[in-house]
Amino acid sequence: MKLSNGVDLGPKLKFCMHGDDEGGWPIYEGWDGGRWNGWLDPLVTKETYQSILNWNLQELENTPELKDDEYWMETINEMQNTKPLIDGLYSVGWGLCWDDIES
């Protein structure tokens, strides 16, 4: 995929938490937006961003004790306030442990 600024993102990749596609984590598609602390900082479409956000909000409802975790609630707030970077793509690294499972 080529962005309007001329940057080529290359082919899509599949990614999930910890790169563990057998651990029950949802699998998403996006592009490699670089690495943070060794973990993938994926770029995704609005639809994928919304899917990731919805999954995390559902996990928050399923695990009420997370609401007492200040760091997690700050991360949820960051997720909810993420804006697209370029060409409608969202950076969804958020300091989470994403990794590719298939390039």
PDB file of N, CA and C in Angstrom:
ATOM      1  N   MET A   1       0.849  -1.181   0.000  1.00  0.00           N
ATOM      2  CA  MET A   1       0.000   0.000   0.000  1.00  0.00           C
ATOM      3  C   MET A   1       0.889   1.236   0.000  1.00  0.00           C
ATOM      4  N   LYS A   2       0.573   2.175  -0.863  1.00  0.00           N
ATOM      5  CA  LYS A   2       1.343   3.413  -0.955  1.00  0.00           C
ATOM      6  C   LYS A   2       0.494   4.561  -0.410  1.00  0.00           C
ATOM      7  N   LEU A   3       1.067   5.312   0.529  1.00  0.00           N
ATOM      8  CA  LEU A   3       0.379   6.447   1.137  1.00  0.00           C
ATOM      9  C   LEU A   3       0.481   7.677   0.245  1.00  0.00           C
ATOM     10  N   SER A   4      -0.355   8.649   0.505  1.00  0.00           N
ATOM     11  CA  SER A   4      -0.354   9.876  -0.290  1.00  0.00           C
ATOM     12  C   SER A   4       0.966  10.641  -0.174  1.00  0.00           C
ATOM     13  N   ASN A   5       1.744  10.397   0.884  1.00  0.00           N
ATOM     14  CA  ASN A   5       3.038  11.064   1.033  1.00  0.00           C
ATOM     15  C   ASN A   5       4.165  10.290   0.340  1.00  0.00           C
ATOM     16  N   GLY A   6       3.806   9.205  -0.374  1.00  0.00           N
ATOM     17  CA  GLY A   6       4.775   8.429  -1.128  1.00  0.00           C
ATOM     18  C   GLY A   6       5.376   7.249  -0.387  1.00  0.00           C
ATOM     19  N   VAL A   7       5.094   7.118   0.903  1.00  0.00           N
ATOM     20  CA  VAL A   7       5.634   6.005   1.690  1.00  0.00           C
ATOM     21  C   VAL A   7       4.910   4.721   1.310  1.00  0.00           C
ATOM     22  N   ASP A   8       5.676   3.672   1.045  1.00  0.00           N
ATOM     23  CA  ASP A   8       5.104   2.369   0.726  1.00  0.00           C
ATOM     24  C   ASP A   8       5.069   1.534   2.003  1.00  0.00           C
ATOM     25  N   LEU A   9       3.885   1.157   2.441  1.00  0.00           N
ATOM     26  CA  LEU A   9       3.735   0.354   3.656  1.00  0.00           C
ATOM     27  C   LEU A   9       3.990  -1.121   3.418  1.00  0.00           C
ATOM     28  N   GLY A  10       4.054  -1.509   2.183  1.00  0.00           N
ATOM     29  CA  GLY A  10       4.256  -2.923   1.897  1.00  0.00           C
ATOM     30  C   GLY A  10       2.958  -3.696   2.045  1.00  0.00           C
ATOM     31  N   PRO A  11       3.067  -5.022   2.055  1.00  0.00           N
ATOM     32  CA  PRO A  11       1.859  -5.854   2.136  1.00  0.00           C
ATOM     33  C   PRO A  11       1.251  -5.827   3.539  1.00  0.00           C
ATOM     34  N   LYS A  12      -0.023  -6.184   3.580  1.00  0.00           N
ATOM     35  CA  LYS A  12      -0.697  -6.323   4.874  1.00  0.00           C
ATOM     36  C   LYS A  12      -0.060  -7.451   5.661  1.00  0.00           C
ATOM     37  N   LEU A  13      -0.212  -7.366   6.984  1.00  0.00           N
ATOM     38  CA  LEU A  13       0.217  -8.463   7.842  1.00  0.00           C
ATOM     39  C   LEU A  13      -0.887  -8.758   8.840  1.00  0.00           C
ATOM     40  N   LYS A  14      -0.840  -9.944   9.401  1.00  0.00           N
ATOM     41  CA  LYS A  14      -1.779 -10.327  10.450  1.00  0.00           C
ATOM     42  C   LYS A  14      -1.054 -10.209  11.778  1.00  0.00           C
ATOM     43  N   PHE A  15      -1.747  -9.693  12.788  1.00  0.00           N
ATOM     44  CA  PHE A  15      -1.119  -9.496  14.088  1.00  0.00           C
ATOM     45  C   PHE A  15      -2.118  -9.741  15.209  1.00  0.00           C
ATOM     46  N   CYS A  16      -1.575 -10.014  16.379  1.00  0.00           N
ATOM     47  CA  CYS A  16      -2.397 -10.179  17.571  1.00  0.00           C
ATOM     48  C   CYS A  16      -1.515  -9.920  18.793  1.00  0.00           C
ATOM     49  N   MET A  17      -2.105  -9.980  19.961  1.00  0.00           N
ATOM     50  CA  MET A  17      -1.363  -9.744  21.189  1.00  0.00           C
ATOM     51  C   MET A  17      -0.288 -10.815  21.340  1.00  0.00           C
ATOM     52  N   HIS A  18       0.910 -10.381  21.652  1.00  0.00           N
ATOM     53  CA  HIS A  18       2.058 -11.253  21.907  1.00  0.00           C
ATOM     54  C   HIS A  18       2.413 -12.151  20.720  1.00  0.00           C
ATOM     55  N   GLY A  19       1.817 -11.904  19.538  1.00  0.00           N
ATOM     56  CA  GLY A  19       2.075 -12.757  18.390  1.00  0.00           C
ATOM     57  C   GLY A  19       1.598 -14.182  18.613  1.00  0.00           C
ATOM     58  N   ASP A  20       0.669 -14.346  19.549  1.00  0.00           N
ATOM     59  CA  ASP A  20       0.192 -15.668  19.961  1.00  0.00           C
ATOM     60  C   ASP A  20      -1.178 -15.944  19.352  1.00  0.00           C
ATOM     61  N   ASP A  21      -1.184 -16.462  18.132  1.00  0.00           N
ATOM     62  CA  ASP A  21      -2.453 -16.717  17.461  1.00  0.00           C
ATOM     63  C   ASP A  21      -3.147 -17.976  17.970  1.00  0.00           C
ATOM     64  N   GLU A  22      -2.535 -18.686  18.904  1.00  0.00           N
ATOM     65  CA  GLU A  22      -3.180 -19.865  19.488  1.00  0.00           C
ATOM     66  C   GLU A  22      -3.658 -19.595  20.910  1.00  0.00           C
ATOM     67  N   GLY A  23      -3.444 -18.384  21.411  1.00  0.00           N
ATOM     68  CA  GLY A  23      -3.807 -18.045  22.779  1.00  0.00           C
ATOM     69  C   GLY A  23      -5.204 -17.484  22.938  1.00  0.00           C
ATOM     70  N   GLY A  24      -5.998 -17.528  21.881  1.00  0.00           N
ATOM     71  CA  GLY A  24      -7.359 -17.026  21.974  1.00  0.00           C
ATOM     72  C   GLY A  24      -7.488 -15.533  21.738  1.00  0.00           C
ATOM     73  N   TRP A  25      -6.381 -14.857  21.423  1.00  0.00           N
ATOM     74  CA  TRP A  25      -6.434 -13.427  21.144  1.00  0.00           C
ATOM     75  C   TRP A  25      -7.018 -13.200  19.752  1.00  0.00           C
ATOM     76  N   PRO A  26      -7.773 -12.137  19.562  1.00  0.00           N
ATOM     77  CA  PRO A  26      -8.276 -11.828  18.208  1.00  0.00           C
ATOM     78  C   PRO A  26      -7.116 -11.533  17.260  1.00  0.00           C
ATOM     79  N   ILE A  27      -7.302 -11.872  16.011  1.00  0.00           N
ATOM     80  CA  ILE A  27      -6.310 -11.628  14.973  1.00  0.00           C
ATOM     81  C   ILE A  27      -6.832 -10.491  14.093  1.00  0.00           C
ATOM     82  N   TYR A  28      -5.951  -9.522  13.819  1.00  0.00           N
ATOM     83  CA  TYR A  28      -6.317  -8.366  13.020  1.00  0.00           C
ATOM     84  C   TYR A  28      -5.375  -8.259  11.831  1.00  0.00           C
ATOM     85  N   GLU A  29      -5.775  -7.436  10.848  1.00  0.00           N
ATOM     86  CA  GLU A  29      -4.919  -7.161   9.702  1.00  0.00           C
ATOM     87  C   GLU A  29      -4.579  -5.682   9.663  1.00  0.00           C
ATOM     88  N   GLY A  30      -3.352  -5.408   9.267  1.00  0.00           N
ATOM     89  CA  GLY A  30      -2.903  -4.029   9.141  1.00  0.00           C
ATOM     90  C   GLY A  30      -1.540  -4.006   8.483  1.00  0.00           C
ATOM     91  N   TRP A  31      -0.799  -2.932   8.737  1.00  0.00           N
ATOM     92  CA  TRP A  31       0.517  -2.760   8.169  1.00  0.00           C
ATOM     93  C   TRP A  31       1.520  -2.486   9.278  1.00  0.00           C
ATOM     94  N   ASP A  32       2.763  -2.797   9.000  1.00  0.00           N
ATOM     95  CA  ASP A  32       3.836  -2.571   9.959  1.00  0.00           C
ATOM     96  C   ASP A  32       4.124  -1.075  10.038  1.00  0.00           C
ATOM     97  N   GLY A  33       3.806  -0.479  11.173  1.00  0.00           N
ATOM     98  CA  GLY A  33       4.057   0.944  11.383  1.00  0.00           C
ATOM     99  C   GLY A  33       5.330   1.193  12.166  1.00  0.00           C
ATOM    100  N   GLY A  34       6.158   0.162  12.307  1.00  0.00           N
ATOM    101  CA  GLY A  34       7.390   0.277  13.066  1.00  0.00           C
ATOM    102  C   GLY A  34       7.305  -0.545  14.342  1.00  0.00           C
ATOM    103  N   ARG A  35       8.282  -0.337  15.196  1.00  0.00           N
ATOM    104  CA  ARG A  35       8.355  -1.086  16.460  1.00  0.00           C
ATOM    105  C   ARG A  35       8.529  -0.125  17.620  1.00  0.00           C
ATOM    106  N   TRP A  36       7.974  -0.494  18.755  1.00  0.00           N
ATOM    107  CA  TRP A  36       8.156   0.220  20.004  1.00  0.00           C
ATOM    108  C   TRP A  36       8.581  -0.811  21.029  1.00  0.00           C
ATOM    109  N   ASN A  37       9.751  -0.633  21.606  1.00  0.00           N
ATOM    110  CA  ASN A  37      10.250  -1.546  22.633  1.00  0.00           C
ATOM    111  C   ASN A  37      10.221  -3.003  22.144  1.00  0.00           C
ATOM    112  N   GLY A  38      10.404  -3.176  20.842  1.00  0.00           N
ATOM    113  CA  GLY A  38      10.424  -4.513  20.252  1.00  0.00           C
ATOM    114  C   GLY A  38       9.079  -4.999  19.752  1.00  0.00           C
ATOM    115  N   TRP A  39       8.006  -4.336  20.154  1.00  0.00           N
ATOM    116  CA  TRP A  39       6.665  -4.769  19.761  1.00  0.00           C
ATOM    117  C   TRP A  39       6.170  -3.974  18.560  1.00  0.00           C
ATOM    118  N   LEU A  40       5.319  -4.592  17.775  1.00  0.00           N
ATOM    119  CA  LEU A  40       4.740  -3.990  16.576  1.00  0.00           C
ATOM    120  C   LEU A  40       3.856  -2.796  16.940  1.00  0.00           C
ATOM    121  N   ASP A  41       3.962  -1.734  16.150  1.00  0.00           N
ATOM    122  CA  ASP A  41       3.082  -0.571  16.268  1.00  0.00           C
ATOM    123  C   ASP A  41       2.248  -0.545  14.983  1.00  0.00           C
ATOM    124  N   PRO A  42       1.164  -1.326  14.945  1.00  0.00           N
ATOM    125  CA  PRO A  42       0.433  -1.510  13.689  1.00  0.00           C
ATOM    126  C   PRO A  42      -0.313  -0.263  13.220  1.00  0.00           C
ATOM    127  N   LEU A  43      -0.429  -0.157  11.910  1.00  0.00           N
ATOM    128  CA  LEU A  43      -1.298   0.828  11.277  1.00  0.00           C
ATOM    129  C   LEU A  43      -2.486   0.065  10.715  1.00  0.00           C
ATOM    130  N   VAL A  44      -3.686   0.577  10.968  1.00  0.00           N
ATOM    131  CA  VAL A  44      -4.899  -0.138  10.562  1.00  0.00           C
ATOM    132  C   VAL A  44      -5.940   0.828   9.998  1.00  0.00           C
ATOM    133  N   THR A  45      -6.916   0.260   9.320  1.00  0.00           N
ATOM    134  CA  THR A  45      -8.043   1.044   8.814  1.00  0.00           C
ATOM    135  C   THR A  45      -8.966   1.432   9.964  1.00  0.00           C
ATOM    136  N   LYS A  46      -9.881   2.331   9.678  1.00  0.00           N
ATOM    137  CA  LYS A  46     -10.851   2.758  10.694  1.00  0.00           C
ATOM    138  C   LYS A  46     -11.666   1.577  11.198  1.00  0.00           C
ATOM    139  N   GLU A  47     -12.053   0.684  10.300  1.00  0.00           N
ATOM    140  CA  GLU A  47     -12.864  -0.469  10.688  1.00  0.00           C
ATOM    141  C   GLU A  47     -12.102  -1.372  11.656  1.00  0.00           C
ATOM    142  N   THR A  48     -10.824  -1.611  11.373  1.00  0.00           N
ATOM    143  CA  THR A  48     -10.016  -2.458  12.255  1.00  0.00           C
ATOM    144  C   THR A  48      -9.771  -1.753  13.585  1.00  0.00           C
ATOM    145  N   TYR A  49      -9.492  -0.447  13.537  1.00  0.00           N
ATOM    146  CA  TYR A  49      -9.339   0.325  14.771  1.00  0.00           C
ATOM    147  C   TYR A  49     -10.577   0.161  15.649  1.00  0.00           C
ATOM    148  N   GLN A  50     -11.752   0.321  15.054  1.00  0.00           N
ATOM    149  CA  GLN A  50     -13.000   0.224  15.805  1.00  0.00           C
ATOM    150  C   GLN A  50     -13.194  -1.180  16.374  1.00  0.00           C
ATOM    151  N   SER A  51     -12.820  -2.190  15.615  1.00  0.00           N
ATOM    152  CA  SER A  51     -12.923  -3.570  16.079  1.00  0.00           C
ATOM    153  C   SER A  51     -12.013  -3.813  17.290  1.00  0.00           C
ATOM    154  N   ILE A  52     -10.774  -3.291  17.235  1.00  0.00           N
ATOM    155  CA  ILE A  52      -9.835  -3.435  18.355  1.00  0.00           C
ATOM    156  C   ILE A  52     -10.369  -2.701  19.577  1.00  0.00           C
ATOM    157  N   LEU A  53     -10.859  -1.491  19.372  1.00  0.00           N
ATOM    158  CA  LEU A  53     -11.424  -0.715  20.477  1.00  0.00           C
ATOM    159  C   LEU A  53     -12.614  -1.447  21.094  1.00  0.00           C
ATOM    160  N   ASN A  54     -13.523  -1.927  20.261  1.00  0.00           N
ATOM    161  CA  ASN A  54     -14.703  -2.635  20.763  1.00  0.00           C
ATOM    162  C   ASN A  54     -14.322  -3.882  21.556  1.00  0.00           C
ATOM    163  N   TRP A  55     -13.322  -4.626  21.074  1.00  0.00           N
ATOM    164  CA  TRP A  55     -12.885  -5.822  21.791  1.00  0.00           C
ATOM    165  C   TRP A  55     -12.355  -5.452  23.169  1.00  0.00           C
ATOM    166  N   ASN A  56     -11.539  -4.392  23.240  1.00  0.00           N
ATOM    167  CA  ASN A  56     -10.989  -3.969  24.524  1.00  0.00           C
ATOM    168  C   ASN A  56     -12.063  -3.448  25.468  1.00  0.00           C
ATOM    169  N   LEU A  57     -13.044  -2.729  24.941  1.00  0.00           N
ATOM    170  CA  LEU A  57     -14.143  -2.254  25.786  1.00  0.00           C
ATOM    171  C   LEU A  57     -14.975  -3.425  26.301  1.00  0.00           C
ATOM    172  N   GLN A  58     -15.158  -4.457  25.477  1.00  0.00           N
ATOM    173  CA  GLN A  58     -15.885  -5.643  25.912  1.00  0.00           C
ATOM    174  C   GLN A  58     -15.101  -6.375  27.002  1.00  0.00           C
ATOM    175  N   GLU A  59     -13.781  -6.466  26.837  1.00  0.00           N
ATOM    176  CA  GLU A  59     -12.947  -7.090  27.865  1.00  0.00           C
ATOM    177  C   GLU A  59     -13.044  -6.322  29.183  1.00  0.00           C
ATOM    178  N   LEU A  60     -13.140  -5.013  29.088  1.00  0.00           N
ATOM    179  CA  LEU A  60     -13.291  -4.177  30.275  1.00  0.00           C
ATOM    180  C   LEU A  60     -14.604  -4.494  30.982  1.00  0.00           C
ATOM    181  N   GLU A  61     -15.660  -4.710  30.213  1.00  0.00           N
ATOM    182  CA  GLU A  61     -16.959  -5.066  30.806  1.00  0.00           C
ATOM    183  C   GLU A  61     -16.937  -6.480  31.392  1.00  0.00           C
ATOM    184  N   ASN A  62     -16.222  -7.384  30.725  1.00  0.00           N
ATOM    185  CA  ASN A  62     -16.140  -8.769  31.190  1.00  0.00           C
ATOM    186  C   ASN A  62     -15.229  -8.939  32.396  1.00  0.00           C
ATOM    187  N   THR A  63     -14.343  -7.971  32.609  1.00  0.00           N
ATOM    188  CA  THR A  63     -13.363  -8.044  33.697  1.00  0.00           C
ATOM    189  C   THR A  63     -13.434  -6.735  34.494  1.00  0.00           C
ATOM    190  N   PRO A  64     -14.459  -6.570  35.320  1.00  0.00           N
ATOM    191  CA  PRO A  64     -14.689  -5.298  36.016  1.00  0.00           C
ATOM    192  C   PRO A  64     -13.514  -4.811  36.852  1.00  0.00           C
ATOM    193  N   GLU A  65     -12.680  -5.730  37.355  1.00  0.00           N
ATOM    194  CA  GLU A  65     -11.543  -5.293  38.177  1.00  0.00           C
ATOM    195  C   GLU A  65     -10.540  -4.455  37.381  1.00  0.00           C
ATOM    196  N   LEU A  66     -10.581  -4.549  36.045  1.00  0.00           N
ATOM    197  CA  LEU A  66      -9.707  -3.707  35.231  1.00  0.00           C
ATOM    198  C   LEU A  66     -10.033  -2.227  35.408  1.00  0.00           C
ATOM    199  N   LYS A  67     -11.272  -1.928  35.789  1.00  0.00           N
ATOM    200  CA  LYS A  67     -11.668  -0.529  35.990  1.00  0.00           C
ATOM    201  C   LYS A  67     -10.933   0.104  37.166  1.00  0.00           C
ATOM    202  N   ASP A  68     -10.355  -0.712  38.045  1.00  0.00           N
ATOM    203  CA  ASP A  68      -9.567  -0.206  39.171  1.00  0.00           C
ATOM    204  C   ASP A  68      -8.095  -0.043  38.822  1.00  0.00           C
ATOM    205  N   ASP A  69      -7.703  -0.458  37.613  1.00  0.00           N
ATOM    206  CA  ASP A  69      -6.309  -0.390  37.173  1.00  0.00           C
ATOM    207  C   ASP A  69      -6.099   0.939  36.444  1.00  0.00           C
ATOM    208  N   GLU A  70      -5.411   1.859  37.098  1.00  0.00           N
ATOM    209  CA  GLU A  70      -5.230   3.203  36.554  1.00  0.00           C
ATOM    210  C   GLU A  70      -4.540   3.175  35.189  1.00  0.00           C
ATOM    211  N   TYR A  71      -3.493   2.353  35.041  1.00  0.00           N
ATOM    212  CA  TYR A  71      -2.781   2.272  33.772  1.00  0.00           C
ATOM    213  C   TYR A  71      -3.717   1.794  32.658  1.00  0.00           C
ATOM    214  N   TRP A  72      -4.503   0.751  32.942  1.00  0.00           N
ATOM    215  CA  TRP A  72      -5.399   0.214  31.917  1.00  0.00           C
ATOM    216  C   TRP A  72      -6.458   1.237  31.520  1.00  0.00           C
ATOM    217  N   MET A  73      -6.985   1.969  32.497  1.00  0.00           N
ATOM    218  CA  MET A  73      -8.003   2.961  32.189  1.00  0.00           C
ATOM    219  C   MET A  73      -7.406   4.117  31.366  1.00  0.00           C
ATOM    220  N   GLU A  74      -6.145   4.483  31.631  1.00  0.00           N
ATOM    221  CA  GLU A  74      -5.474   5.493  30.808  1.00  0.00           C
ATOM    222  C   GLU A  74      -5.308   4.977  29.377  1.00  0.00           C
ATOM    223  N   THR A  75      -4.981   3.693  29.237  1.00  0.00           N
ATOM    224  CA  THR A  75      -4.831   3.094  27.910  1.00  0.00           C
ATOM    225  C   THR A  75      -6.167   3.086  27.177  1.00  0.00           C
ATOM    226  N   ILE A  76      -7.246   2.717  27.863  1.00  0.00           N
ATOM    227  CA  ILE A  76      -8.584   2.738  27.246  1.00  0.00           C
ATOM    228  C   ILE A  76      -8.927   4.150  26.784  1.00  0.00           C
ATOM    229  N   ASN A  77      -8.629   5.149  27.612  1.00  0.00           N
ATOM    230  CA  ASN A  77      -8.888   6.541  27.244  1.00  0.00           C
ATOM    231  C   ASN A  77      -8.090   6.921  25.999  1.00  0.00           C
ATOM    232  N   GLU A  78      -6.823   6.511  25.949  1.00  0.00           N
ATOM    233  CA  GLU A  78      -5.991   6.779  24.777  1.00  0.00           C
ATOM    234  C   GLU A  78      -6.594   6.107  23.539  1.00  0.00           C
ATOM    235  N   MET A  79      -7.036   4.863  23.698  1.00  0.00           N
ATOM    236  CA  MET A  79      -7.647   4.146  22.577  1.00  0.00           C
ATOM    237  C   MET A  79      -8.860   4.911  22.040  1.00  0.00           C
ATOM    238  N   GLN A  80      -9.706   5.371  22.947  1.00  0.00           N
ATOM    239  CA  GLN A  80     -10.940   6.043  22.551  1.00  0.00           C
ATOM    240  C   GLN A  80     -10.683   7.389  21.893  1.00  0.00           C
ATOM    241  N   ASN A  81      -9.527   7.981  22.132  1.00  0.00           N
ATOM    242  CA  ASN A  81      -9.222   9.308  21.598  1.00  0.00           C
ATOM    243  C   ASN A  81      -8.203   9.281  20.465  1.00  0.00           C
ATOM    244  N   THR A  82      -7.939   8.102  19.918  1.00  0.00           N
ATOM    245  CA  THR A  82      -6.992   7.974  18.811  1.00  0.00           C
ATOM    246  C   THR A  82      -7.596   8.579  17.544  1.00  0.00           C
ATOM    247  N   LYS A  83      -6.790   9.359  16.857  1.00  0.00           N
ATOM    248  CA  LYS A  83      -7.192   9.988  15.594  1.00  0.00           C
ATOM    249  C   LYS A  83      -6.359   9.392  14.466  1.00  0.00           C
ATOM    250  N   PRO A  84      -6.897   9.391  13.244  1.00  0.00           N
ATOM    251  CA  PRO A  84      -6.114   8.862  12.123  1.00  0.00           C
ATOM    252  C   PRO A  84      -4.870   9.701  11.876  1.00  0.00           C
ATOM    253  N   LEU A  85      -3.807   9.028  11.415  1.00  0.00           N
ATOM    254  CA  LEU A  85      -2.546   9.715  11.139  1.00  0.00           C
ATOM    255  C   LEU A  85      -2.502  10.264   9.716  1.00  0.00           C
ATOM    256  N   ILE A  86      -2.638   9.370   8.755  1.00  0.00           N
ATOM    257  CA  ILE A  86      -2.536   9.744   7.349  1.00  0.00           C
ATOM    258  C   ILE A  86      -3.388   8.784   6.529  1.00  0.00           C
ATOM    259  N   ASP A  87      -4.051   9.308   5.544  1.00  0.00           N
ATOM    260  CA  ASP A  87      -4.878   8.501   4.641  1.00  0.00           C
ATOM    261  C   ASP A  87      -5.876   7.627   5.399  1.00  0.00           C
ATOM    262  N   GLY A  88      -6.355   8.096   6.552  1.00  0.00           N
ATOM    263  CA  GLY A  88      -7.365   7.374   7.315  1.00  0.00           C
ATOM    264  C   GLY A  88      -6.836   6.194   8.109  1.00  0.00           C
ATOM    265  N   LEU A  89      -5.525   6.022   8.205  1.00  0.00           N
ATOM    266  CA  LEU A  89      -4.956   4.911   8.968  1.00  0.00           C
ATOM    267  C   LEU A  89      -4.689   5.332  10.411  1.00  0.00           C
ATOM    268  N   TYR A  90      -4.893   4.397  11.304  1.00  0.00           N
ATOM    269  CA  TYR A  90      -4.730   4.625  12.742  1.00  0.00           C
ATOM    270  C   TYR A  90      -3.524   3.841  13.255  1.00  0.00           C
ATOM    271  N   SER A  91      -2.739   4.472  14.106  1.00  0.00           N
ATOM    272  CA  SER A  91      -1.655   3.795  14.808  1.00  0.00           C
ATOM    273  C   SER A  91      -2.238   3.261  16.111  1.00  0.00           C
ATOM    274  N   VAL A  92      -2.183   1.939  16.298  1.00  0.00           N
ATOM    275  CA  VAL A  92      -2.849   1.321  17.457  1.00  0.00           C
ATOM    276  C   VAL A  92      -1.871   0.605  18.380  1.00  0.00           C
ATOM    277  N   GLY A  93      -0.631   1.063  18.421  1.00  0.00           N
ATOM    278  CA  GLY A  93       0.348   0.427  19.299  1.00  0.00           C
ATOM    279  C   GLY A  93      -0.029   0.538  20.764  1.00  0.00           C
ATOM    280  N   TRP A  94      -0.308   1.756  21.211  1.00  0.00           N
ATOM    281  CA  TRP A  94      -0.767   2.047  22.572  1.00  0.00           C
ATOM    282  C   TRP A  94       0.090   1.414  23.660  1.00  0.00           C
ATOM    283  N   GLY A  95       1.343   1.084  23.343  1.00  0.00           N
ATOM    284  CA  GLY A  95       2.201   0.446  24.347  1.00  0.00           C
ATOM    285  C   GLY A  95       1.828  -0.996  24.635  1.00  0.00           C
ATOM    286  N   LEU A  96       0.973  -1.587  23.798  1.00  0.00           N
ATOM    287  CA  LEU A  96       0.559  -2.969  23.985  1.00  0.00           C
ATOM    288  C   LEU A  96       1.527  -3.910  23.273  1.00  0.00           C
ATOM    289  N   CYS A  97       1.457  -5.173  23.590  1.00  0.00           N
ATOM    290  CA  CYS A  97       2.396  -6.176  23.081  1.00  0.00           C
ATOM    291  C   CYS A  97       1.858  -6.842  21.804  1.00  0.00           C
ATOM    292  N   TRP A  98       1.740  -6.065  20.731  1.00  0.00           N
ATOM    293  CA  TRP A  98       1.327  -6.595  19.440  1.00  0.00           C
ATOM    294  C   TRP A  98       2.527  -7.211  18.749  1.00  0.00           C
ATOM    295  N   ASP A  99       2.285  -8.262  17.987  1.00  0.00           N
ATOM    296  CA  ASP A  99       3.336  -8.795  17.134  1.00  0.00           C
ATOM    297  C   ASP A  99       2.687  -9.481  15.941  1.00  0.00           C
ATOM    298  N   ASP A 100       3.436  -9.539  14.844  1.00  0.00           N
ATOM    299  CA  ASP A 100       2.881 -10.156  13.632  1.00  0.00           C
ATOM    300  C   ASP A 100       2.914 -11.675  13.773  1.00  0.00           C
ATOM    301  N   ILE A 101       1.927 -12.283  13.184  1.00  0.00           N
ATOM    302  CA  ILE A 101       1.855 -13.743  13.189  1.00  0.00           C
ATOM    303  C   ILE A 101       2.039 -14.284  11.784  1.00  0.00           C
ATOM    304  N   GLU A 102       1.946 -13.377  10.806  1.00  0.00           N
ATOM    305  CA  GLU A 102       2.083 -13.790   9.405  1.00  0.00           C
ATOM    306  C   GLU A 102       2.399 -12.547   8.610  1.00  0.00           C
ATOM    307  N   SER A 103       3.522 -12.535   7.953  1.00  0.00           N
ATOM    308  CA  SER A 103       3.879 -11.357   7.145  1.00  0.00           C
ATOM    309  C   SER A 103       3.614 -11.629   5.686  1.00  0.00           C
TER     310      SER A 103
END
